């Protein structure tokens, strides 16, 4: 799962950088996915270990980072959409696209991690 964490971390970094440059480098909050991605890449590096307990610890930290990012991205997208509509204006579709892309990637990542954790537990019980 550490390699999967690398891949999703790099994808989040790309989402953040693309979002930042698409908005004309005017909104530094567009880099939020980049910071989550960077944390996941570092966590993935730390999860590569011969020690099973260390691997488990860092993968649980990574999936927690993913879950927090997922909830934050979804909440931000929903809030931005609701707020814009309540003012009678169109929402910032570039920002919403980046937030929903981040949420989608993290939903897939968290799902893969949970399945891996369940499979690992089942294999230890047999």
N, C-alpha and C. Protein backbone atom coordinates (compact mmCIF):
# COMPACT_ATOMS: atom_id res chain seq x y z
N UNK A 1 0.81 -1.20 0.00
CA UNK A 1 0.00 0.00 0.00
C UNK A 1 0.85 1.27 0.00
N UNK A 2 2.10 1.15 0.35
CA UNK A 2 2.96 2.34 0.35
C UNK A 2 3.11 2.90 -1.06
N UNK A 3 3.21 2.00 -2.05
CA UNK A 3 3.32 2.47 -3.45
C UNK A 3 2.04 3.15 -3.89
N UNK A 4 0.92 2.62 -3.47
CA UNK A 4 -0.37 3.25 -3.79
C UNK A 4 -0.43 4.63 -3.16
N UNK A 5 0.10 4.75 -1.95
CA UNK A 5 0.14 6.04 -1.27
C UNK A 5 0.98 7.04 -2.04
N UNK A 6 2.14 6.58 -2.57
CA UNK A 6 2.97 7.46 -3.40
C UNK A 6 2.17 7.99 -4.59
N UNK A 7 1.51 7.07 -5.28
CA UNK A 7 0.78 7.44 -6.50
C UNK A 7 -0.29 8.47 -6.18
N UNK A 8 -1.09 8.22 -5.15
CA UNK A 8 -2.14 9.18 -4.81
C UNK A 8 -1.56 10.49 -4.29
N UNK A 9 -0.45 10.42 -3.58
CA UNK A 9 0.21 11.64 -3.13
C UNK A 9 0.67 12.49 -4.30
N UNK A 10 1.29 11.86 -5.28
CA UNK A 10 1.75 12.59 -6.47
C UNK A 10 0.57 13.15 -7.24
N UNK A 11 -0.52 12.39 -7.36
CA UNK A 11 -1.71 12.89 -8.05
C UNK A 11 -2.29 14.11 -7.34
N UNK A 12 -2.30 14.08 -6.02
CA UNK A 12 -2.80 15.24 -5.27
C UNK A 12 -1.89 16.45 -5.45
N UNK A 13 -0.61 16.22 -5.47
CA UNK A 13 0.34 17.32 -5.72
C UNK A 13 0.05 17.94 -7.07
N UNK A 14 -0.18 17.11 -8.08
CA UNK A 14 -0.49 17.62 -9.42
C UNK A 14 -1.82 18.38 -9.44
N UNK A 15 -2.83 17.87 -8.74
CA UNK A 15 -4.13 18.57 -8.68
C UNK A 15 -3.93 19.96 -8.08
N UNK A 16 -3.17 20.04 -7.01
CA UNK A 16 -2.92 21.33 -6.37
C UNK A 16 -2.17 22.30 -7.27
N UNK A 17 -1.13 21.81 -7.92
CA UNK A 17 -0.34 22.69 -8.79
C UNK A 17 -1.14 23.15 -10.01
N UNK A 18 -1.88 22.22 -10.62
CA UNK A 18 -2.70 22.59 -11.77
C UNK A 18 -3.76 23.60 -11.34
N UNK A 19 -4.41 23.34 -10.21
CA UNK A 19 -5.42 24.27 -9.71
C UNK A 19 -4.85 25.64 -9.42
N UNK A 20 -3.66 25.68 -8.90
CA UNK A 20 -3.01 26.96 -8.57
C UNK A 20 -2.70 27.75 -9.85
N UNK A 21 -2.14 27.08 -10.84
CA UNK A 21 -1.77 27.79 -12.05
C UNK A 21 -2.97 28.10 -12.95
N UNK A 22 -4.01 27.28 -12.88
CA UNK A 22 -5.22 27.55 -13.67
C UNK A 22 -5.92 28.81 -13.15
N UNK A 23 -5.82 29.04 -11.85
CA UNK A 23 -6.45 30.24 -11.28
C UNK A 23 -5.54 31.46 -11.42
N UNK A 24 -4.49 31.34 -12.17
CA UNK A 24 -3.60 32.47 -12.39
C UNK A 24 -2.69 32.76 -11.21
N UNK A 25 -2.41 31.76 -10.40
CA UNK A 25 -1.55 31.89 -9.21
C UNK A 25 -2.06 32.95 -8.25
N UNK A 26 -3.35 33.19 -8.27
CA UNK A 26 -3.93 34.23 -7.43
C UNK A 26 -4.47 33.68 -6.11
N UNK A 27 -4.73 32.39 -6.06
CA UNK A 27 -5.34 31.80 -4.88
C UNK A 27 -4.44 30.74 -4.27
N UNK A 28 -3.68 31.09 -3.22
CA UNK A 28 -2.78 30.10 -2.63
C UNK A 28 -3.52 28.92 -1.99
N UNK A 29 -4.81 29.07 -1.70
CA UNK A 29 -5.55 27.94 -1.14
C UNK A 29 -5.72 26.82 -2.16
N UNK A 30 -5.49 27.11 -3.43
CA UNK A 30 -5.54 26.07 -4.45
C UNK A 30 -4.42 25.05 -4.26
N UNK A 31 -3.44 25.39 -3.44
CA UNK A 31 -2.32 24.47 -3.18
C UNK A 31 -2.62 23.48 -2.05
N UNK A 32 -3.80 23.55 -1.45
CA UNK A 32 -4.13 22.64 -0.34
C UNK A 32 -3.97 21.17 -0.74
N UNK A 33 -4.45 20.74 -1.92
CA UNK A 33 -4.22 19.33 -2.29
C UNK A 33 -2.73 18.98 -2.36
N UNK A 34 -1.91 19.95 -2.72
CA UNK A 34 -0.47 19.71 -2.79
C UNK A 34 0.09 19.35 -1.42
N UNK A 35 -0.36 20.04 -0.40
CA UNK A 35 0.14 19.78 0.96
C UNK A 35 -0.33 18.41 1.46
N UNK A 36 -1.59 18.06 1.15
CA UNK A 36 -2.05 16.72 1.52
C UNK A 36 -1.25 15.66 0.76
N UNK A 37 -0.99 15.90 -0.52
CA UNK A 37 -0.21 14.97 -1.31
C UNK A 37 1.20 14.82 -0.79
N UNK A 38 1.80 15.93 -0.41
CA UNK A 38 3.15 15.89 0.14
C UNK A 38 3.18 15.09 1.45
N UNK A 39 2.19 15.30 2.30
CA UNK A 39 2.11 14.54 3.56
C UNK A 39 1.96 13.05 3.28
N UNK A 40 1.18 12.71 2.25
CA UNK A 40 1.00 11.30 1.92
C UNK A 40 2.26 10.68 1.33
N UNK A 41 2.99 11.42 0.52
CA UNK A 41 4.24 10.90 -0.03
C UNK A 41 5.24 10.64 1.09
N UNK A 42 5.35 11.59 2.02
CA UNK A 42 6.26 11.40 3.16
C UNK A 42 5.80 10.21 4.00
N UNK A 43 4.49 10.12 4.24
CA UNK A 43 3.97 8.98 4.99
C UNK A 43 4.20 7.67 4.27
N UNK A 44 4.10 7.68 2.95
CA UNK A 44 4.37 6.47 2.17
C UNK A 44 5.81 6.05 2.27
N UNK A 45 6.71 7.03 2.26
CA UNK A 45 8.14 6.73 2.42
C UNK A 45 8.39 6.11 3.79
N UNK A 46 7.76 6.69 4.82
CA UNK A 46 7.95 6.17 6.18
C UNK A 46 7.31 4.79 6.35
N UNK A 47 6.30 4.48 5.54
CA UNK A 47 5.61 3.19 5.66
C UNK A 47 6.41 2.05 5.04
N UNK A 48 7.41 2.36 4.25
CA UNK A 48 8.25 1.31 3.66
C UNK A 48 9.26 0.91 4.74
N UNK A 49 8.95 -0.19 5.40
CA UNK A 49 9.78 -0.62 6.51
C UNK A 49 9.66 -2.13 6.67
N UNK A 50 10.73 -2.78 7.08
CA UNK A 50 10.62 -4.22 7.36
C UNK A 50 9.81 -4.50 8.62
N UNK A 51 9.66 -3.50 9.47
CA UNK A 51 8.90 -3.66 10.71
C UNK A 51 7.40 -3.56 10.43
N UNK A 52 6.68 -4.63 10.74
CA UNK A 52 5.24 -4.64 10.48
C UNK A 52 4.51 -3.58 11.30
N UNK A 53 4.91 -3.38 12.55
CA UNK A 53 4.21 -2.40 13.39
C UNK A 53 4.42 -0.98 12.88
N UNK A 54 5.62 -0.69 12.40
CA UNK A 54 5.88 0.64 11.84
C UNK A 54 5.08 0.85 10.55
N UNK A 55 5.05 -0.17 9.72
CA UNK A 55 4.28 -0.10 8.47
C UNK A 55 2.81 0.15 8.75
N UNK A 56 2.27 -0.60 9.71
CA UNK A 56 0.86 -0.44 10.07
C UNK A 56 0.59 0.96 10.63
N UNK A 57 1.47 1.44 11.48
CA UNK A 57 1.29 2.76 12.07
C UNK A 57 1.23 3.84 10.99
N UNK A 58 2.20 3.84 10.08
CA UNK A 58 2.24 4.90 9.08
C UNK A 58 1.13 4.76 8.04
N UNK A 59 0.72 3.54 7.75
CA UNK A 59 -0.40 3.41 6.82
C UNK A 59 -1.70 3.87 7.47
N UNK A 60 -1.87 3.65 8.76
CA UNK A 60 -3.05 4.17 9.44
C UNK A 60 -3.01 5.70 9.52
N UNK A 61 -1.84 6.25 9.70
CA UNK A 61 -1.71 7.72 9.67
C UNK A 61 -2.05 8.23 8.28
N UNK A 62 -1.58 7.56 7.25
CA UNK A 62 -1.86 7.98 5.87
C UNK A 62 -3.34 7.93 5.55
N UNK A 63 -4.01 6.87 5.97
CA UNK A 63 -5.44 6.78 5.66
C UNK A 63 -6.21 7.82 6.47
N UNK A 64 -5.73 8.18 7.64
CA UNK A 64 -6.37 9.25 8.42
C UNK A 64 -6.20 10.59 7.71
N UNK A 65 -5.02 10.84 7.19
CA UNK A 65 -4.79 12.06 6.40
C UNK A 65 -5.73 12.07 5.20
N UNK A 66 -5.86 10.93 4.55
CA UNK A 66 -6.76 10.83 3.40
C UNK A 66 -8.21 11.09 3.77
N UNK A 67 -8.64 10.56 4.89
CA UNK A 67 -10.02 10.75 5.33
C UNK A 67 -10.30 12.21 5.71
N UNK A 68 -9.36 12.83 6.40
CA UNK A 68 -9.50 14.25 6.75
C UNK A 68 -9.55 15.09 5.48
N UNK A 69 -8.69 14.80 4.52
CA UNK A 69 -8.70 15.53 3.25
C UNK A 69 -9.99 15.33 2.48
N UNK A 70 -10.50 14.10 2.48
CA UNK A 70 -11.76 13.80 1.81
C UNK A 70 -12.90 14.61 2.40
N UNK A 71 -13.03 14.57 3.71
CA UNK A 71 -14.10 15.30 4.38
C UNK A 71 -13.95 16.81 4.16
N UNK A 72 -12.73 17.31 4.27
CA UNK A 72 -12.48 18.74 4.07
C UNK A 72 -12.78 19.20 2.66
N UNK A 73 -12.37 18.41 1.67
CA UNK A 73 -12.60 18.78 0.28
C UNK A 73 -14.09 18.77 -0.05
N UNK A 74 -14.79 17.74 0.41
CA UNK A 74 -16.24 17.68 0.17
C UNK A 74 -16.97 18.83 0.86
N UNK A 75 -16.61 19.09 2.10
CA UNK A 75 -17.25 20.17 2.84
C UNK A 75 -16.99 21.52 2.18
N UNK A 76 -15.77 21.73 1.73
CA UNK A 76 -15.42 22.98 1.07
C UNK A 76 -16.17 23.16 -0.25
N UNK A 77 -16.27 22.09 -1.02
CA UNK A 77 -16.99 22.17 -2.30
C UNK A 77 -18.47 22.45 -2.06
N UNK A 78 -19.08 21.75 -1.11
CA UNK A 78 -20.50 21.96 -0.82
C UNK A 78 -20.76 23.35 -0.26
N UNK A 79 -19.88 23.81 0.62
CA UNK A 79 -20.03 25.15 1.20
C UNK A 79 -19.89 26.21 0.12
N UNK A 80 -18.88 26.09 -0.72
CA UNK A 80 -18.67 27.07 -1.79
C UNK A 80 -19.84 27.13 -2.75
N UNK A 81 -20.38 25.97 -3.08
CA UNK A 81 -21.53 25.93 -3.99
C UNK A 81 -22.76 26.56 -3.33
N UNK A 82 -23.03 26.16 -2.10
CA UNK A 82 -24.20 26.70 -1.38
C UNK A 82 -24.10 28.19 -1.15
N UNK A 83 -22.91 28.65 -0.80
CA UNK A 83 -22.71 30.07 -0.54
C UNK A 83 -22.91 30.89 -1.81
N UNK A 84 -22.33 30.43 -2.91
CA UNK A 84 -22.48 31.16 -4.17
C UNK A 84 -23.94 31.19 -4.61
N UNK A 85 -24.62 30.08 -4.50
CA UNK A 85 -26.03 30.03 -4.91
C UNK A 85 -26.90 30.90 -4.00
N UNK A 86 -26.57 30.98 -2.72
CA UNK A 86 -27.36 31.83 -1.82
C UNK A 86 -27.19 33.32 -2.15
N UNK A 87 -26.06 33.66 -2.74
CA UNK A 87 -25.83 35.05 -3.17
C UNK A 87 -26.37 35.29 -4.58
N UNK A 88 -26.82 34.24 -5.24
CA UNK A 88 -27.37 34.37 -6.57
C UNK A 88 -26.33 34.48 -7.67
N UNK A 89 -25.11 33.98 -7.40
CA UNK A 89 -24.04 34.02 -8.40
C UNK A 89 -23.59 32.60 -8.72
N UNK A 90 -22.88 32.46 -9.81
CA UNK A 90 -22.34 31.16 -10.16
C UNK A 90 -21.16 30.82 -9.26
N UNK A 91 -21.05 29.56 -8.84
CA UNK A 91 -19.89 29.16 -8.03
C UNK A 91 -18.61 29.19 -8.87
N UNK A 92 -17.50 29.18 -8.18
CA UNK A 92 -16.19 29.11 -8.85
C UNK A 92 -15.98 27.67 -9.29
N UNK A 93 -16.26 27.40 -10.56
CA UNK A 93 -16.21 26.03 -11.04
C UNK A 93 -14.79 25.46 -11.07
N UNK A 94 -13.79 26.31 -11.24
CA UNK A 94 -12.41 25.81 -11.22
C UNK A 94 -12.07 25.28 -9.84
N UNK A 95 -12.44 26.05 -8.82
CA UNK A 95 -12.16 25.62 -7.45
C UNK A 95 -12.95 24.37 -7.11
N UNK A 96 -14.22 24.33 -7.52
CA UNK A 96 -15.04 23.15 -7.23
C UNK A 96 -14.50 21.91 -7.93
N UNK A 97 -14.00 22.08 -9.15
CA UNK A 97 -13.42 20.95 -9.86
C UNK A 97 -12.22 20.40 -9.12
N UNK A 98 -11.35 21.28 -8.65
CA UNK A 98 -10.17 20.85 -7.91
C UNK A 98 -10.57 20.17 -6.60
N UNK A 99 -11.55 20.75 -5.90
CA UNK A 99 -11.99 20.17 -4.62
C UNK A 99 -12.63 18.81 -4.83
N UNK A 100 -13.47 18.69 -5.84
CA UNK A 100 -14.13 17.41 -6.10
C UNK A 100 -13.16 16.37 -6.65
N UNK A 101 -12.15 16.81 -7.39
CA UNK A 101 -11.11 15.88 -7.85
C UNK A 101 -10.32 15.36 -6.66
N UNK A 102 -9.97 16.25 -5.75
CA UNK A 102 -9.27 15.84 -4.54
C UNK A 102 -10.14 14.86 -3.74
N UNK A 103 -11.41 15.19 -3.59
CA UNK A 103 -12.31 14.31 -2.83
C UNK A 103 -12.44 12.95 -3.51
N UNK A 104 -12.55 12.93 -4.82
CA UNK A 104 -12.67 11.67 -5.55
C UNK A 104 -11.44 10.80 -5.40
N UNK A 105 -10.27 11.42 -5.56
CA UNK A 105 -9.02 10.66 -5.40
C UNK A 105 -8.90 10.09 -3.99
N UNK A 106 -9.24 10.91 -3.01
CA UNK A 106 -9.10 10.45 -1.63
C UNK A 106 -10.16 9.41 -1.27
N UNK A 107 -11.33 9.50 -1.87
CA UNK A 107 -12.35 8.47 -1.65
C UNK A 107 -11.84 7.12 -2.16
N UNK A 108 -11.26 7.11 -3.32
CA UNK A 108 -10.70 5.88 -3.88
C UNK A 108 -9.56 5.37 -2.99
N UNK A 109 -8.68 6.28 -2.56
CA UNK A 109 -7.54 5.90 -1.72
C UNK A 109 -7.99 5.30 -0.39
N UNK A 110 -8.92 5.97 0.28
CA UNK A 110 -9.41 5.47 1.57
C UNK A 110 -10.08 4.12 1.38
N UNK A 111 -10.85 3.97 0.33
CA UNK A 111 -11.50 2.70 0.04
C UNK A 111 -10.46 1.59 -0.16
N UNK A 112 -9.43 1.86 -0.95
CA UNK A 112 -8.37 0.86 -1.17
C UNK A 112 -7.67 0.50 0.14
N UNK A 113 -7.41 1.50 0.97
CA UNK A 113 -6.73 1.24 2.25
C UNK A 113 -7.60 0.39 3.17
N UNK A 114 -8.87 0.73 3.27
CA UNK A 114 -9.76 -0.04 4.15
C UNK A 114 -9.85 -1.48 3.68
N UNK A 115 -9.98 -1.68 2.37
CA UNK A 115 -10.01 -3.05 1.84
C UNK A 115 -8.71 -3.79 2.15
N UNK A 116 -7.59 -3.09 2.04
CA UNK A 116 -6.31 -3.72 2.33
C UNK A 116 -6.20 -4.08 3.81
N UNK A 117 -6.68 -3.20 4.67
CA UNK A 117 -6.64 -3.47 6.11
C UNK A 117 -7.50 -4.68 6.45
N UNK A 118 -8.69 -4.76 5.84
CA UNK A 118 -9.58 -5.89 6.09
C UNK A 118 -8.94 -7.19 5.59
N UNK A 119 -8.36 -7.14 4.41
CA UNK A 119 -7.72 -8.34 3.84
C UNK A 119 -6.54 -8.78 4.72
N UNK A 120 -5.76 -7.83 5.22
CA UNK A 120 -4.62 -8.17 6.07
C UNK A 120 -5.09 -8.81 7.37
N UNK A 121 -6.15 -8.28 7.93
CA UNK A 121 -6.67 -8.85 9.18
C UNK A 121 -7.19 -10.27 8.95
N UNK A 122 -7.90 -10.46 7.84
CA UNK A 122 -8.43 -11.79 7.55
C UNK A 122 -7.32 -12.80 7.31
N UNK A 123 -6.24 -12.37 6.64
CA UNK A 123 -5.14 -13.29 6.37
C UNK A 123 -4.40 -13.67 7.66
N UNK A 124 -4.38 -12.79 8.65
CA UNK A 124 -3.75 -13.12 9.92
C UNK A 124 -4.60 -14.06 10.76
N UNK A 125 -5.91 -14.03 10.57
CA UNK A 125 -6.81 -14.88 11.37
C UNK A 125 -6.84 -16.31 10.86
N UNK A 126 -6.44 -16.53 9.63
CA UNK A 126 -6.50 -17.88 9.07
C UNK A 126 -5.34 -18.71 9.49
